[in-house]
Amino acid sequence: MQEKTEQGSELAPEQSRMARAALGLGVRDLARAAGVSPDTIARLERGEALRTNTVAAIRAALEAAGVAFISANGGGPGVRLK
């Protein structure tokens, strides 16, 4: 399940997993960078609903680490390194 903060600020579970893989980050690494618990990252990646501000913090941490998010546009959501 995706959470929306503002336009363009959603984060799909697969995007989180792909971004972590591209950056070589573990769940604990991303949790530390986003200021959330590792369980919160696991919940996001299982597709569970999270608070909007929590999703925004995780997305911001990934973007700060160098990830750009690609919208679905019919082909599924993705990520790339900046």
PDB file of N, CA and C in Angstrom:
ATOM      1  N   MET A   1       0.845  -1.179   0.000  1.00  0.00           N
ATOM      2  CA  MET A   1       0.000   0.000   0.000  1.00  0.00           C
ATOM      3  C   MET A   1       0.888   1.240   0.000  1.00  0.00           C
ATOM      4  N   GLN A   2       0.529   2.224  -0.785  1.00  0.00           N
ATOM      5  CA  GLN A   2       1.298   3.449  -0.859  1.00  0.00           C
ATOM      6  C   GLN A   2       0.665   4.522   0.005  1.00  0.00           C
ATOM      7  N   GLU A   3       1.496   5.383   0.516  1.00  0.00           N
ATOM      8  CA  GLU A   3       1.029   6.549   1.257  1.00  0.00           C
ATOM      9  C   GLU A   3       1.364   7.769   0.418  1.00  0.00           C
ATOM     10  N   LYS A   4       0.504   8.742   0.431  1.00  0.00           N
ATOM     11  CA  LYS A   4       0.726   9.962  -0.318  1.00  0.00           C
ATOM     12  C   LYS A   4       0.917  11.116   0.641  1.00  0.00           C
ATOM     13  N   THR A   5       1.981  11.885   0.446  1.00  0.00           N
ATOM     14  CA  THR A   5       2.182  13.070   1.270  1.00  0.00           C
ATOM     15  C   THR A   5       1.738  14.289   0.478  1.00  0.00           C
ATOM     16  N   GLU A   6       2.339  14.491  -0.652  1.00  0.00           N
ATOM     17  CA  GLU A   6       1.904  15.509  -1.582  1.00  0.00           C
ATOM     18  C   GLU A   6       2.241  14.971  -2.953  1.00  0.00           C
ATOM     19  N   GLN A   7       1.815  15.632  -3.979  1.00  0.00           N
ATOM     20  CA  GLN A   7       2.003  15.091  -5.311  1.00  0.00           C
ATOM     21  C   GLN A   7       3.457  14.698  -5.526  1.00  0.00           C
ATOM     22  N   GLY A   8       3.676  13.479  -6.011  1.00  0.00           N
ATOM     23  CA  GLY A   8       5.018  13.008  -6.280  1.00  0.00           C
ATOM     24  C   GLY A   8       5.757  12.496  -5.060  1.00  0.00           C
ATOM     25  N   SER A   9       5.100  12.375  -3.925  1.00  0.00           N
ATOM     26  CA  SER A   9       5.778  11.965  -2.701  1.00  0.00           C
ATOM     27  C   SER A   9       5.353  10.591  -2.210  1.00  0.00           C
ATOM     28  N   GLU A  10       4.878   9.744  -3.084  1.00  0.00           N
ATOM     29  CA  GLU A  10       4.505   8.415  -2.633  1.00  0.00           C
ATOM     30  C   GLU A  10       5.731   7.505  -2.696  1.00  0.00           C
ATOM     31  N   LEU A  11       5.660   6.407  -2.015  1.00  0.00           N
ATOM     32  CA  LEU A  11       6.774   5.461  -1.982  1.00  0.00           C
ATOM     33  C   LEU A  11       6.202   4.052  -1.935  1.00  0.00           C
ATOM     34  N   ALA A  12       6.373   3.318  -3.017  1.00  0.00           N
ATOM     35  CA  ALA A  12       5.881   1.945  -3.091  1.00  0.00           C
ATOM     36  C   ALA A  12       6.863   1.018  -2.380  1.00  0.00           C
ATOM     37  N   PRO A  13       6.369  -0.081  -1.823  1.00  0.00           N
ATOM     38  CA  PRO A  13       7.258  -1.031  -1.143  1.00  0.00           C
ATOM     39  C   PRO A  13       8.428  -1.481  -2.018  1.00  0.00           C
ATOM     40  N   GLU A  14       8.146  -1.778  -3.287  1.00  0.00           N
ATOM     41  CA  GLU A  14       9.218  -2.235  -4.169  1.00  0.00           C
ATOM     42  C   GLU A  14      10.242  -1.134  -4.440  1.00  0.00           C
ATOM     43  N   GLN A  15       9.810   0.125  -4.426  1.00  0.00           N
ATOM     44  CA  GLN A  15      10.761   1.218  -4.608  1.00  0.00           C
ATOM     45  C   GLN A  15      11.720   1.300  -3.428  1.00  0.00           C
ATOM     46  N   SER A  16      11.207   1.106  -2.243  1.00  0.00           N
ATOM     47  CA  SER A  16      12.072   1.122  -1.067  1.00  0.00           C
ATOM     48  C   SER A  16      13.103   0.003  -1.151  1.00  0.00           C
ATOM     49  N   ARG A  17      12.662  -1.185  -1.494  1.00  0.00           N
ATOM     50  CA  ARG A  17      13.588  -2.323  -1.607  1.00  0.00           C
ATOM     51  C   ARG A  17      14.620  -2.094  -2.707  1.00  0.00           C
ATOM     52  N   MET A  18      14.169  -1.606  -3.867  1.00  0.00           N
ATOM     53  CA  MET A  18      15.095  -1.350  -4.974  1.00  0.00           C
ATOM     54  C   MET A  18      16.099  -0.262  -4.615  1.00  0.00           C
ATOM     55  N   ALA A  19      15.619   0.792  -3.960  1.00  0.00           N
ATOM     56  CA  ALA A  19      16.503   1.894  -3.582  1.00  0.00           C
ATOM     57  C   ALA A  19      17.558   1.426  -2.586  1.00  0.00           C
ATOM     58  N   ARG A  20      17.136   0.653  -1.591  1.00  0.00           N
ATOM     59  CA  ARG A  20      18.101   0.132  -0.619  1.00  0.00           C
ATOM     60  C   ARG A  20      19.148  -0.729  -1.306  1.00  0.00           C
ATOM     61  N   ALA A  21      18.704  -1.580  -2.235  1.00  0.00           N
ATOM     62  CA  ALA A  21      19.634  -2.454  -2.951  1.00  0.00           C
ATOM     63  C   ALA A  21      20.622  -1.636  -3.783  1.00  0.00           C
ATOM     64  N   ALA A  22      20.123  -0.632  -4.485  1.00  0.00           N
ATOM     65  CA  ALA A  22      20.990   0.207  -5.318  1.00  0.00           C
ATOM     66  C   ALA A  22      22.040   0.936  -4.489  1.00  0.00           C
ATOM     67  N   LEU A  23      21.663   1.319  -3.279  1.00  0.00           N
ATOM     68  CA  LEU A  23      22.574   2.056  -2.398  1.00  0.00           C
ATOM     69  C   LEU A  23      23.405   1.140  -1.505  1.00  0.00           C
ATOM     70  N   GLY A  24      23.081  -0.137  -1.495  1.00  0.00           N
ATOM     71  CA  GLY A  24      23.785  -1.067  -0.621  1.00  0.00           C
ATOM     72  C   GLY A  24      23.451  -0.864   0.848  1.00  0.00           C
ATOM     73  N   LEU A  25      22.219  -0.429   1.118  1.00  0.00           N
ATOM     74  CA  LEU A  25      21.783  -0.172   2.491  1.00  0.00           C
ATOM     75  C   LEU A  25      20.965  -1.336   3.028  1.00  0.00           C
ATOM     76  N   GLY A  26      21.177  -1.663   4.277  1.00  0.00           N
ATOM     77  CA  GLY A  26      20.329  -2.621   4.963  1.00  0.00           C
ATOM     78  C   GLY A  26      19.141  -1.906   5.576  1.00  0.00           C
ATOM     79  N   VAL A  27      18.225  -2.666   6.107  1.00  0.00           N
ATOM     80  CA  VAL A  27      17.046  -2.097   6.759  1.00  0.00           C
ATOM     81  C   VAL A  27      17.465  -1.178   7.901  1.00  0.00           C
ATOM     82  N   ARG A  28      18.412  -1.612   8.716  1.00  0.00           N
ATOM     83  CA  ARG A  28      18.863  -0.786   9.849  1.00  0.00           C
ATOM     84  C   ARG A  28      19.515   0.512   9.383  1.00  0.00           C
ATOM     85  N   ASP A  29      20.284   0.444   8.282  1.00  0.00           N
ATOM     86  CA  ASP A  29      20.934   1.647   7.753  1.00  0.00           C
ATOM     87  C   ASP A  29      19.898   2.685   7.330  1.00  0.00           C
ATOM     88  N   LEU A  30      18.898   2.235   6.585  1.00  0.00           N
ATOM     89  CA  LEU A  30      17.854   3.159   6.133  1.00  0.00           C
ATOM     90  C   LEU A  30      17.056   3.691   7.309  1.00  0.00           C
ATOM     91  N   ALA A  31      16.744   2.823   8.260  1.00  0.00           N
ATOM     92  CA  ALA A  31      15.990   3.260   9.438  1.00  0.00           C
ATOM     93  C   ALA A  31      16.739   4.362  10.175  1.00  0.00           C
ATOM     94  N   ARG A  32      18.040   4.171  10.365  1.00  0.00           N
ATOM     95  CA  ARG A  32      18.857   5.173  11.057  1.00  0.00           C
ATOM     96  C   ARG A  32      18.838   6.499  10.286  1.00  0.00           C
ATOM     97  N   ALA A  33      19.012   6.433   8.963  1.00  0.00           N
ATOM     98  CA  ALA A  33      19.039   7.643   8.140  1.00  0.00           C
ATOM     99  C   ALA A  33      17.701   8.376   8.151  1.00  0.00           C
ATOM    100  N   ALA A  34      16.611   7.630   8.231  1.00  0.00           N
ATOM    101  CA  ALA A  34      15.273   8.234   8.199  1.00  0.00           C
ATOM    102  C   ALA A  34      14.750   8.596   9.580  1.00  0.00           C
ATOM    103  N   GLY A  35      15.439   8.144  10.623  1.00  0.00           N
ATOM    104  CA  GLY A  35      14.982   8.435  11.982  1.00  0.00           C
ATOM    105  C   GLY A  35      13.766   7.624  12.390  1.00  0.00           C
ATOM    106  N   VAL A  36      13.681   6.403  11.876  1.00  0.00           N
ATOM    107  CA  VAL A  36      12.577   5.506  12.221  1.00  0.00           C
ATOM    108  C   VAL A  36      13.160   4.173  12.684  1.00  0.00           C
ATOM    109  N   SER A  37      12.312   3.272  13.136  1.00  0.00           N
ATOM    110  CA  SER A  37      12.793   1.963  13.583  1.00  0.00           C
ATOM    111  C   SER A  37      12.938   1.017  12.383  1.00  0.00           C
ATOM    112  N   PRO A  38      13.804   0.012  12.511  1.00  0.00           N
ATOM    113  CA  PRO A  38      13.905  -0.993  11.445  1.00  0.00           C
ATOM    114  C   PRO A  38      12.565  -1.680  11.172  1.00  0.00           C
ATOM    115  N   ASP A  39      11.754  -1.870  12.203  1.00  0.00           N
ATOM    116  CA  ASP A  39      10.436  -2.474  12.010  1.00  0.00           C
ATOM    117  C   ASP A  39       9.559  -1.608  11.109  1.00  0.00           C
ATOM    118  N   THR A  40       9.713  -0.294  11.195  1.00  0.00           N
ATOM    119  CA  THR A  40       8.936   0.606  10.337  1.00  0.00           C
ATOM    120  C   THR A  40       9.313   0.402   8.875  1.00  0.00           C
ATOM    121  N   ILE A  41      10.608   0.247   8.596  1.00  0.00           N
ATOM    122  CA  ILE A  41      11.044  -0.014   7.219  1.00  0.00           C
ATOM    123  C   ILE A  41      10.466  -1.347   6.745  1.00  0.00           C
ATOM    124  N   ALA A  42      10.535  -2.359   7.589  1.00  0.00           N
ATOM    125  CA  ALA A  42       9.985  -3.674   7.234  1.00  0.00           C
ATOM    126  C   ALA A  42       8.488  -3.585   6.957  1.00  0.00           C
ATOM    127  N   ARG A  43       7.773  -2.821   7.769  1.00  0.00           N
ATOM    128  CA  ARG A  43       6.332  -2.652   7.556  1.00  0.00           C
ATOM    129  C   ARG A  43       6.057  -1.977   6.215  1.00  0.00           C
ATOM    130  N   LEU A  44       6.809  -0.933   5.893  1.00  0.00           N
ATOM    131  CA  LEU A  44       6.654  -0.261   4.604  1.00  0.00           C
ATOM    132  C   LEU A  44       6.870  -1.256   3.469  1.00  0.00           C
ATOM    133  N   GLU A  45       7.936  -2.041   3.569  1.00  0.00           N
ATOM    134  CA  GLU A  45       8.284  -2.954   2.491  1.00  0.00           C
ATOM    135  C   GLU A  45       7.347  -4.159   2.402  1.00  0.00           C
ATOM    136  N   ARG A  46       6.559  -4.394   3.423  1.00  0.00           N
ATOM    137  CA  ARG A  46       5.502  -5.418   3.363  1.00  0.00           C
ATOM    138  C   ARG A  46       4.201  -4.833   2.821  1.00  0.00           C
ATOM    139  N   GLY A  47       4.179  -3.530   2.618  1.00  0.00           N
ATOM    140  CA  GLY A  47       2.993  -2.884   2.071  1.00  0.00           C
ATOM    141  C   GLY A  47       1.994  -2.423   3.104  1.00  0.00           C
ATOM    142  N   GLU A  48       2.404  -2.399   4.376  1.00  0.00           N
ATOM    143  CA  GLU A  48       1.499  -1.934   5.428  1.00  0.00           C
ATOM    144  C   GLU A  48       1.399  -0.411   5.401  1.00  0.00           C
ATOM    145  N   ALA A  49       0.268   0.108   5.825  1.00  0.00           N
ATOM    146  CA  ALA A  49       0.049   1.554   5.857  1.00  0.00           C
ATOM    147  C   ALA A  49       0.895   2.187   6.958  1.00  0.00           C
ATOM    148  N   LEU A  50       1.513   3.306   6.627  1.00  0.00           N
ATOM    149  CA  LEU A  50       2.300   4.087   7.582  1.00  0.00           C
ATOM    150  C   LEU A  50       1.796   5.519   7.575  1.00  0.00           C
ATOM    151  N   ARG A  51       2.165   6.258   8.593  1.00  0.00           N
ATOM    152  CA  ARG A  51       1.811   7.680   8.638  1.00  0.00           C
ATOM    153  C   ARG A  51       2.484   8.406   7.475  1.00  0.00           C
ATOM    154  N   THR A  52       1.797   9.396   6.974  1.00  0.00           N
ATOM    155  CA  THR A  52       2.293  10.169   5.841  1.00  0.00           C
ATOM    156  C   THR A  52       3.660  10.768   6.124  1.00  0.00           C
ATOM    157  N   ASN A  53       3.849  11.332   7.317  1.00  0.00           N
ATOM    158  CA  ASN A  53       5.139  11.961   7.622  1.00  0.00           C
ATOM    159  C   ASN A  53       6.253  10.923   7.742  1.00  0.00           C
ATOM    160  N   THR A  54       5.923   9.701   8.127  1.00  0.00           N
ATOM    161  CA  THR A  54       6.919   8.632   8.205  1.00  0.00           C
ATOM    162  C   THR A  54       7.384   8.240   6.809  1.00  0.00           C
ATOM    163  N   VAL A  55       6.451   8.072   5.894  1.00  0.00           N
ATOM    164  CA  VAL A  55       6.791   7.745   4.507  1.00  0.00           C
ATOM    165  C   VAL A  55       7.636   8.865   3.906  1.00  0.00           C
ATOM    166  N   ALA A  56       7.274  10.102   4.190  1.00  0.00           N
ATOM    167  CA  ALA A  56       8.033  11.244   3.676  1.00  0.00           C
ATOM    168  C   ALA A  56       9.463  11.237   4.207  1.00  0.00           C
ATOM    169  N   ALA A  57       9.657  10.886   5.463  1.00  0.00           N
ATOM    170  CA  ALA A  57      11.003  10.841   6.052  1.00  0.00           C
ATOM    171  C   ALA A  57      11.846   9.749   5.400  1.00  0.00           C
ATOM    172  N   ILE A  58      11.244   8.614   5.130  1.00  0.00           N
ATOM    173  CA  ILE A  58      11.970   7.513   4.489  1.00  0.00           C
ATOM    174  C   ILE A  58      12.345   7.899   3.062  1.00  0.00           C
ATOM    175  N   ARG A  59      11.389   8.452   2.343  1.00  0.00           N
ATOM    176  CA  ARG A  59      11.665   8.878   0.967  1.00  0.00           C
ATOM    177  C   ARG A  59      12.754   9.948   0.936  1.00  0.00           C
ATOM    178  N   ALA A  60      12.691  10.907   1.858  1.00  0.00           N
ATOM    179  CA  ALA A  60      13.694  11.975   1.908  1.00  0.00           C
ATOM    180  C   ALA A  60      15.083  11.412   2.192  1.00  0.00           C
ATOM    181  N   ALA A  61      15.169  10.429   3.071  1.00  0.00           N
ATOM    182  CA  ALA A  61      16.466   9.815   3.381  1.00  0.00           C
ATOM    183  C   ALA A  61      17.041   9.121   2.146  1.00  0.00           C
ATOM    184  N   LEU A  62      16.201   8.439   1.403  1.00  0.00           N
ATOM    185  CA  LEU A  62      16.665   7.769   0.188  1.00  0.00           C
ATOM    186  C   LEU A  62      17.081   8.778  -0.877  1.00  0.00           C
ATOM    187  N   GLU A  63      16.314   9.851  -1.020  1.00  0.00           N
ATOM    188  CA  GLU A  63      16.669  10.890  -1.990  1.00  0.00           C
ATOM    189  C   GLU A  63      17.974  11.573  -1.601  1.00  0.00           C
ATOM    190  N   ALA A  64      18.172  11.832  -0.309  1.00  0.00           N
ATOM    191  CA  ALA A  64      19.411  12.459   0.159  1.00  0.00           C
ATOM    192  C   ALA A  64      20.618  11.558  -0.092  1.00  0.00           C
ATOM    193  N   ALA A  65      20.388  10.252  -0.114  1.00  0.00           N
ATOM    194  CA  ALA A  65      21.464   9.292  -0.356  1.00  0.00           C
ATOM    195  C   ALA A  65      21.761   9.122  -1.847  1.00  0.00           C
ATOM    196  N   GLY A  66      20.934   9.737  -2.707  1.00  0.00           N
ATOM    197  CA  GLY A  66      21.224   9.723  -4.131  1.00  0.00           C
ATOM    198  C   GLY A  66      20.267   8.956  -5.018  1.00  0.00           C
ATOM    199  N   VAL A  67      19.071   8.680  -4.536  1.00  0.00           N
ATOM    200  CA  VAL A  67      18.079   7.948  -5.328  1.00  0.00           C
ATOM    201  C   VAL A  67      17.076   8.924  -5.932  1.00  0.00           C
ATOM    202  N   ALA A  68      16.725   8.692  -7.184  1.00  0.00           N
ATOM    203  CA  ALA A  68      15.632   9.416  -7.832  1.00  0.00           C
ATOM    204  C   ALA A  68      14.523   8.404  -8.083  1.00  0.00           C
ATOM    205  N   PHE A  69      13.302   8.770  -7.779  1.00  0.00           N
ATOM    206  CA  PHE A  69      12.165   7.870  -7.937  1.00  0.00           C
ATOM    207  C   PHE A  69      11.499   8.096  -9.282  1.00  0.00           C
ATOM    208  N   ILE A  70      11.107   6.994  -9.915  1.00  0.00           N
ATOM    209  CA  ILE A  70      10.465   7.024 -11.224  1.00  0.00           C
ATOM    210  C   ILE A  70       9.016   6.589 -11.033  1.00  0.00           C
ATOM    211  N   SER A  71       8.083   7.380 -11.548  1.00  0.00           N
ATOM    212  CA  SER A  71       6.663   7.042 -11.398  1.00  0.00           C
ATOM    213  C   SER A  71       6.313   5.827 -12.250  1.00  0.00           C
ATOM    214  N   ALA A  72       5.174   5.244 -11.967  1.00  0.00           N
ATOM    215  CA  ALA A  72       4.755   4.012 -12.638  1.00  0.00           C
ATOM    216  C   ALA A  72       4.599   4.199 -14.148  1.00  0.00           C
ATOM    217  N   ASN A  73       3.868   5.201 -14.575  1.00  0.00           N
ATOM    218  CA  ASN A  73       3.635   5.469 -15.999  1.00  0.00           C
ATOM    219  C   ASN A  73       3.363   4.206 -16.805  1.00  0.00           C
ATOM    220  N   GLY A  74       2.587   3.305 -16.246  1.00  0.00           N
ATOM    221  CA  GLY A  74       2.208   2.095 -16.957  1.00  0.00           C
ATOM    222  C   GLY A  74       3.210   0.963 -16.873  1.00  0.00           C
ATOM    223  N   GLY A  75       4.450   1.248 -16.482  1.00  0.00           N
ATOM    224  CA  GLY A  75       5.466   0.201 -16.448  1.00  0.00           C
ATOM    225  C   GLY A  75       5.860  -0.216 -15.058  1.00  0.00           C
ATOM    226  N   GLY A  76       5.209   0.301 -14.061  1.00  0.00           N
ATOM    227  CA  GLY A  76       5.563  -0.009 -12.678  1.00  0.00           C
ATOM    228  C   GLY A  76       6.540   1.011 -12.133  1.00  0.00           C
ATOM    229  N   PRO A  77       6.471   1.288 -10.847  1.00  0.00           N
ATOM    230  CA  PRO A  77       7.359   2.280 -10.250  1.00  0.00           C
ATOM    231  C   PRO A  77       8.793   1.776 -10.223  1.00  0.00           C
ATOM    232  N   GLY A  78       9.744   2.696 -10.229  1.00  0.00           N
ATOM    233  CA  GLY A  78      11.149   2.319 -10.209  1.00  0.00           C
ATOM    234  C   GLY A  78      12.002   3.351  -9.509  1.00  0.00           C
ATOM    235  N   VAL A  79      13.305   3.110  -9.533  1.00  0.00           N
ATOM    236  CA  VAL A  79      14.278   4.027  -8.951  1.00  0.00           C
ATOM    237  C   VAL A  79      15.502   4.071  -9.856  1.00  0.00           C
ATOM    238  N   ARG A  80      16.283   5.118  -9.703  1.00  0.00           N
ATOM    239  CA  ARG A  80      17.595   5.201 -10.352  1.00  0.00           C
ATOM    240  C   ARG A  80      18.485   6.042  -9.471  1.00  0.00           C
ATOM    241  N   LEU A  81      19.783   5.884  -9.633  1.00  0.00           N
ATOM    242  CA  LEU A  81      20.724   6.705  -8.879  1.00  0.00           C
ATOM    243  C   LEU A  81      20.893   8.025  -9.603  1.00  0.00           C
ATOM    244  N   LYS A  82      21.014   9.100  -8.826  1.00  0.00           N
ATOM    245  CA  LYS A  82      21.175  10.434  -9.423  1.00  0.00           C
ATOM    246  C   LYS A  82      22.564  10.591  -9.993  1.00  0.00           C
TER     247      LYS A  82
END
